[in-house]
Amino acid sequence: MESGLPTSSSPSPVLEPALIAQREDSSVIRQERREAALRQAQSIALAELARRRRRLGTLSPEQEIAVENLVVSTATKLSEVAIRVLESLAVINSSADYDKTGSTIIP
């Protein structure tokens, strides 16, 4: 009968609680930074729309809402792509900090 617990024939990796907490903290921090960057991009997009609103002429309330939604969603999508690229570069750069023996290179 299986108890769902690891047996001696199937060793499982053991992570120290401090390491788990550190990973969770960095994940939360990354998510907060990502959300802040997206809010900032949306804010910039809306500010630019407000600056250039006169050029659009007369719009109905529904059209104004549609334009705002379009601008915000476009800014969000572009920002998400940029964030993913930057995060990928950060991963590549952090992996370059290790030499071939696996030890950290200290600058």
N, C-alpha and C. Protein backbone atom coordinates (compact mmCIF):
# COMPACT_ATOMS: atom_id res chain seq x y z
N MET A 1 0.84 -1.18 0.00
CA MET A 1 0.00 0.00 0.00
C MET A 1 0.89 1.24 0.00
N GLU A 2 0.56 2.21 -0.88
CA GLU A 2 1.36 3.42 -0.99
C GLU A 2 0.83 4.48 -0.04
N SER A 3 1.75 5.09 0.70
CA SER A 3 1.34 6.12 1.65
C SER A 3 1.50 7.51 1.07
N GLY A 4 2.16 7.62 -0.10
CA GLY A 4 2.40 8.93 -0.67
C GLY A 4 3.66 9.57 -0.14
N LEU A 5 4.32 8.89 0.79
CA LEU A 5 5.56 9.40 1.34
C LEU A 5 6.73 8.86 0.55
N PRO A 6 7.83 9.61 0.44
CA PRO A 6 8.98 9.11 -0.29
C PRO A 6 9.57 7.89 0.42
N THR A 7 9.99 6.94 -0.36
CA THR A 7 10.63 5.75 0.20
C THR A 7 12.12 5.84 -0.01
N SER A 8 12.85 4.93 0.59
CA SER A 8 14.30 4.96 0.46
C SER A 8 14.73 4.68 -0.97
N SER A 9 13.89 4.01 -1.76
CA SER A 9 14.24 3.74 -3.15
C SER A 9 14.01 4.94 -4.06
N SER A 10 13.25 5.94 -3.59
CA SER A 10 13.02 7.15 -4.39
C SER A 10 13.38 8.38 -3.57
N PRO A 11 14.69 8.69 -3.55
CA PRO A 11 15.10 9.85 -2.75
C PRO A 11 14.55 11.13 -3.35
N SER A 12 14.13 12.03 -2.49
CA SER A 12 13.63 13.32 -2.96
C SER A 12 14.59 14.40 -2.48
N PRO A 13 14.75 15.44 -3.30
CA PRO A 13 15.65 16.52 -2.89
C PRO A 13 15.07 17.24 -1.67
N VAL A 14 15.94 17.60 -0.77
CA VAL A 14 15.52 18.30 0.44
C VAL A 14 16.00 19.74 0.33
N LEU A 15 15.07 20.66 0.37
CA LEU A 15 15.41 22.07 0.35
C LEU A 15 15.31 22.63 1.75
N GLU A 16 16.29 23.38 2.12
CA GLU A 16 16.27 23.99 3.44
C GLU A 16 15.18 25.06 3.48
N PRO A 17 14.51 25.20 4.62
CA PRO A 17 13.44 26.21 4.73
C PRO A 17 13.90 27.62 4.38
N ALA A 18 15.12 27.96 4.74
CA ALA A 18 15.62 29.31 4.44
C ALA A 18 15.74 29.51 2.93
N LEU A 19 16.17 28.47 2.21
CA LEU A 19 16.29 28.56 0.76
C LEU A 19 14.91 28.68 0.11
N ILE A 20 13.96 27.93 0.62
CA ILE A 20 12.59 28.01 0.10
C ILE A 20 12.03 29.40 0.33
N ALA A 21 12.22 29.93 1.52
CA ALA A 21 11.72 31.28 1.84
C ALA A 21 12.38 32.33 0.95
N GLN A 22 13.68 32.16 0.70
CA GLN A 22 14.41 33.11 -0.14
C GLN A 22 13.86 33.08 -1.57
N ARG A 23 13.61 31.88 -2.09
CA ARG A 23 13.06 31.77 -3.44
C ARG A 23 11.67 32.38 -3.52
N GLU A 24 10.85 32.14 -2.50
CA GLU A 24 9.50 32.70 -2.49
C GLU A 24 9.56 34.22 -2.41
N ASP A 25 10.47 34.75 -1.55
CA ASP A 25 10.61 36.19 -1.43
C ASP A 25 11.04 36.82 -2.75
N SER A 26 12.01 36.22 -3.43
CA SER A 26 12.47 36.80 -4.69
C SER A 26 11.39 36.70 -5.75
N SER A 27 10.59 35.65 -5.70
CA SER A 27 9.48 35.51 -6.65
C SER A 27 8.43 36.60 -6.40
N VAL A 28 8.13 36.86 -5.15
CA VAL A 28 7.16 37.90 -4.80
C VAL A 28 7.68 39.27 -5.21
N ILE A 29 8.95 39.51 -4.97
CA ILE A 29 9.55 40.79 -5.33
C ILE A 29 9.52 40.98 -6.84
N ARG A 30 9.86 39.92 -7.60
CA ARG A 30 9.81 40.01 -9.06
C ARG A 30 8.40 40.32 -9.54
N GLN A 31 7.41 39.67 -8.94
CA GLN A 31 6.02 39.90 -9.35
C GLN A 31 5.59 41.33 -9.02
N GLU A 32 5.99 41.83 -7.86
CA GLU A 32 5.65 43.21 -7.49
C GLU A 32 6.30 44.21 -8.44
N ARG A 33 7.56 43.95 -8.80
CA ARG A 33 8.25 44.84 -9.75
C ARG A 33 7.58 44.81 -11.11
N ARG A 34 7.19 43.61 -11.54
CA ARG A 34 6.51 43.45 -12.83
C ARG A 34 5.20 44.24 -12.84
N GLU A 35 4.41 44.09 -11.78
CA GLU A 35 3.13 44.80 -11.70
C GLU A 35 3.34 46.31 -11.65
N ALA A 36 4.36 46.76 -10.94
CA ALA A 36 4.65 48.19 -10.87
C ALA A 36 5.06 48.72 -12.24
N ALA A 37 5.86 47.96 -12.97
CA ALA A 37 6.28 48.38 -14.31
C ALA A 37 5.08 48.45 -15.25
N LEU A 38 4.17 47.49 -15.14
CA LEU A 38 2.98 47.52 -16.00
C LEU A 38 2.09 48.71 -15.67
N ARG A 39 1.91 48.98 -14.36
CA ARG A 39 1.11 50.15 -13.97
C ARG A 39 1.73 51.44 -14.49
N GLN A 40 3.06 51.52 -14.42
CA GLN A 40 3.75 52.71 -14.89
C GLN A 40 3.57 52.87 -16.41
N ALA A 41 3.68 51.78 -17.15
CA ALA A 41 3.49 51.84 -18.60
C ALA A 41 2.07 52.28 -18.94
N GLN A 42 1.10 51.75 -18.22
CA GLN A 42 -0.29 52.13 -18.45
C GLN A 42 -0.51 53.60 -18.14
N SER A 43 0.09 54.07 -17.07
CA SER A 43 -0.03 55.47 -16.68
C SER A 43 0.58 56.39 -17.75
N ILE A 44 1.74 56.01 -18.26
CA ILE A 44 2.39 56.79 -19.32
C ILE A 44 1.51 56.81 -20.57
N ALA A 45 0.95 55.67 -20.91
CA ALA A 45 0.10 55.58 -22.10
C ALA A 45 -1.12 56.48 -21.96
N LEU A 46 -1.76 56.46 -20.80
CA LEU A 46 -2.94 57.31 -20.58
C LEU A 46 -2.57 58.79 -20.58
N ALA A 47 -1.40 59.12 -20.04
CA ALA A 47 -0.95 60.52 -20.06
C ALA A 47 -0.71 60.99 -21.49
N GLU A 48 -0.12 60.14 -22.31
CA GLU A 48 0.10 60.48 -23.71
C GLU A 48 -1.22 60.63 -24.46
N LEU A 49 -2.16 59.76 -24.15
CA LEU A 49 -3.48 59.87 -24.77
C LEU A 49 -4.13 61.20 -24.39
N ALA A 50 -4.02 61.58 -23.13
CA ALA A 50 -4.61 62.85 -22.68
C ALA A 50 -3.96 64.03 -23.41
N ARG A 51 -2.64 63.95 -23.61
CA ARG A 51 -1.94 65.03 -24.31
C ARG A 51 -2.41 65.17 -25.75
N ARG A 52 -2.70 64.05 -26.40
CA ARG A 52 -3.02 64.06 -27.82
C ARG A 52 -4.51 63.87 -28.12
N ARG A 53 -5.32 63.93 -27.09
CA ARG A 53 -6.75 63.66 -27.22
C ARG A 53 -7.43 64.57 -28.24
N ARG A 54 -7.05 65.85 -28.27
CA ARG A 54 -7.69 66.81 -29.19
C ARG A 54 -7.58 66.39 -30.65
N ARG A 55 -6.49 65.73 -30.99
CA ARG A 55 -6.28 65.32 -32.39
C ARG A 55 -7.31 64.29 -32.86
N LEU A 56 -7.96 63.63 -31.92
CA LEU A 56 -8.94 62.59 -32.29
C LEU A 56 -10.30 63.18 -32.64
N GLY A 57 -10.50 64.44 -32.33
CA GLY A 57 -11.79 65.06 -32.64
C GLY A 57 -12.87 64.62 -31.67
N THR A 58 -14.10 64.74 -32.12
CA THR A 58 -15.24 64.41 -31.28
C THR A 58 -15.44 62.90 -31.25
N LEU A 59 -15.49 62.36 -30.04
CA LEU A 59 -15.74 60.93 -29.86
C LEU A 59 -16.91 60.74 -28.92
N SER A 60 -17.66 59.70 -29.15
CA SER A 60 -18.74 59.36 -28.21
C SER A 60 -18.09 58.77 -26.95
N PRO A 61 -18.84 58.73 -25.85
CA PRO A 61 -18.28 58.12 -24.63
C PRO A 61 -17.81 56.68 -24.86
N GLU A 62 -18.54 55.93 -25.66
CA GLU A 62 -18.15 54.55 -25.95
C GLU A 62 -16.84 54.50 -26.73
N GLN A 63 -16.68 55.44 -27.67
CA GLN A 63 -15.45 55.49 -28.46
C GLN A 63 -14.26 55.88 -27.58
N GLU A 64 -14.49 56.83 -26.67
CA GLU A 64 -13.41 57.22 -25.76
C GLU A 64 -12.95 56.05 -24.91
N ILE A 65 -13.90 55.30 -24.39
CA ILE A 65 -13.57 54.12 -23.59
C ILE A 65 -12.82 53.10 -24.44
N ALA A 66 -13.25 52.91 -25.67
CA ALA A 66 -12.59 51.96 -26.56
C ALA A 66 -11.15 52.38 -26.84
N VAL A 67 -10.94 53.69 -27.09
CA VAL A 67 -9.59 54.19 -27.34
C VAL A 67 -8.72 54.01 -26.11
N GLU A 68 -9.23 54.34 -24.93
CA GLU A 68 -8.47 54.16 -23.70
C GLU A 68 -8.10 52.70 -23.50
N ASN A 69 -9.07 51.81 -23.70
CA ASN A 69 -8.79 50.38 -23.55
C ASN A 69 -7.73 49.91 -24.54
N LEU A 70 -7.80 50.41 -25.77
CA LEU A 70 -6.83 50.04 -26.78
C LEU A 70 -5.42 50.50 -26.38
N VAL A 71 -5.33 51.73 -25.93
CA VAL A 71 -4.03 52.29 -25.55
C VAL A 71 -3.45 51.53 -24.36
N VAL A 72 -4.27 51.29 -23.36
CA VAL A 72 -3.79 50.59 -22.16
C VAL A 72 -3.40 49.15 -22.49
N SER A 73 -4.20 48.46 -23.26
CA SER A 73 -3.88 47.06 -23.58
C SER A 73 -2.62 46.97 -24.45
N THR A 74 -2.45 47.92 -25.36
CA THR A 74 -1.24 47.93 -26.19
C THR A 74 -0.01 48.19 -25.33
N ALA A 75 -0.09 49.17 -24.44
CA ALA A 75 1.04 49.46 -23.56
C ALA A 75 1.36 48.25 -22.67
N THR A 76 0.33 47.58 -22.19
CA THR A 76 0.53 46.40 -21.35
C THR A 76 1.23 45.29 -22.12
N LYS A 77 0.76 45.02 -23.31
CA LYS A 77 1.35 43.94 -24.11
C LYS A 77 2.80 44.24 -24.47
N LEU A 78 3.08 45.47 -24.87
CA LEU A 78 4.45 45.84 -25.20
C LEU A 78 5.35 45.76 -23.96
N SER A 79 4.84 46.19 -22.83
CA SER A 79 5.62 46.14 -21.60
C SER A 79 5.88 44.70 -21.17
N GLU A 80 4.89 43.84 -21.33
CA GLU A 80 5.09 42.43 -20.95
C GLU A 80 6.18 41.79 -21.79
N VAL A 81 6.21 42.11 -23.07
CA VAL A 81 7.27 41.58 -23.94
C VAL A 81 8.62 42.10 -23.47
N ALA A 82 8.71 43.40 -23.22
CA ALA A 82 9.97 43.99 -22.77
C ALA A 82 10.42 43.39 -21.44
N ILE A 83 9.49 43.19 -20.53
CA ILE A 83 9.83 42.61 -19.23
C ILE A 83 10.36 41.20 -19.40
N ARG A 84 9.71 40.39 -20.25
CA ARG A 84 10.17 39.02 -20.47
C ARG A 84 11.58 39.00 -21.07
N VAL A 85 11.85 39.90 -22.00
CA VAL A 85 13.18 39.97 -22.60
C VAL A 85 14.21 40.35 -21.54
N LEU A 86 13.89 41.34 -20.73
CA LEU A 86 14.82 41.76 -19.68
C LEU A 86 15.04 40.66 -18.65
N GLU A 87 13.99 39.94 -18.28
CA GLU A 87 14.14 38.84 -17.34
C GLU A 87 15.00 37.73 -17.94
N SER A 88 14.82 37.46 -19.24
CA SER A 88 15.65 36.44 -19.90
C SER A 88 17.11 36.86 -19.91
N LEU A 89 17.36 38.13 -20.19
CA LEU A 89 18.73 38.62 -20.17
C LEU A 89 19.33 38.53 -18.78
N ALA A 90 18.53 38.78 -17.76
CA ALA A 90 19.02 38.69 -16.38
C ALA A 90 19.40 37.25 -16.05
N VAL A 91 18.60 36.29 -16.52
CA VAL A 91 18.91 34.88 -16.28
C VAL A 91 20.20 34.50 -17.00
N ILE A 92 20.34 34.95 -18.25
CA ILE A 92 21.55 34.65 -19.01
C ILE A 92 22.77 35.25 -18.33
N ASN A 93 22.64 36.51 -17.90
CA ASN A 93 23.77 37.16 -17.23
C ASN A 93 24.10 36.51 -15.90
N SER A 94 23.09 36.08 -15.16
CA SER A 94 23.38 35.46 -13.87
C SER A 94 24.03 34.09 -14.06
N SER A 95 23.67 33.38 -15.14
CA SER A 95 24.32 32.09 -15.38
C SER A 95 25.74 32.28 -15.87
N ALA A 96 26.05 33.45 -16.45
CA ALA A 96 27.41 33.73 -16.88
C ALA A 96 28.32 34.05 -15.70
N ASP A 97 27.74 34.24 -14.52
CA ASP A 97 28.52 34.52 -13.32
C ASP A 97 29.16 33.26 -12.73
N TYR A 98 28.91 32.13 -13.34
CA TYR A 98 29.47 30.88 -12.86
C TYR A 98 30.51 30.39 -13.85
N ASP A 99 31.64 29.91 -13.31
CA ASP A 99 32.63 29.36 -14.24
C ASP A 99 32.30 27.90 -14.49
N LYS A 100 33.13 27.22 -15.27
CA LYS A 100 32.81 25.87 -15.70
C LYS A 100 32.80 24.86 -14.55
N THR A 101 33.43 25.18 -13.43
CA THR A 101 33.44 24.26 -12.31
C THR A 101 32.21 24.43 -11.44
N GLY A 102 31.41 25.44 -11.74
CA GLY A 102 30.18 25.65 -10.97
C GLY A 102 30.36 26.60 -9.81
N SER A 103 31.56 27.13 -9.62
CA SER A 103 31.75 28.06 -8.52
C SER A 103 31.50 29.47 -9.01
N THR A 104 31.12 30.32 -8.09
CA THR A 104 30.77 31.69 -8.43
C THR A 104 32.03 32.50 -8.74
N ILE A 105 31.96 33.28 -9.81
CA ILE A 105 33.05 34.18 -10.13
C ILE A 105 32.79 35.49 -9.41
N ILE A 106 33.72 35.92 -8.62
CA ILE A 106 33.55 37.16 -7.86
C ILE A 106 34.20 38.29 -8.65
N PRO A 107 33.42 39.33 -8.97
CA PRO A 107 33.96 40.44 -9.80
C PRO A 107 35.03 41.22 -9.08
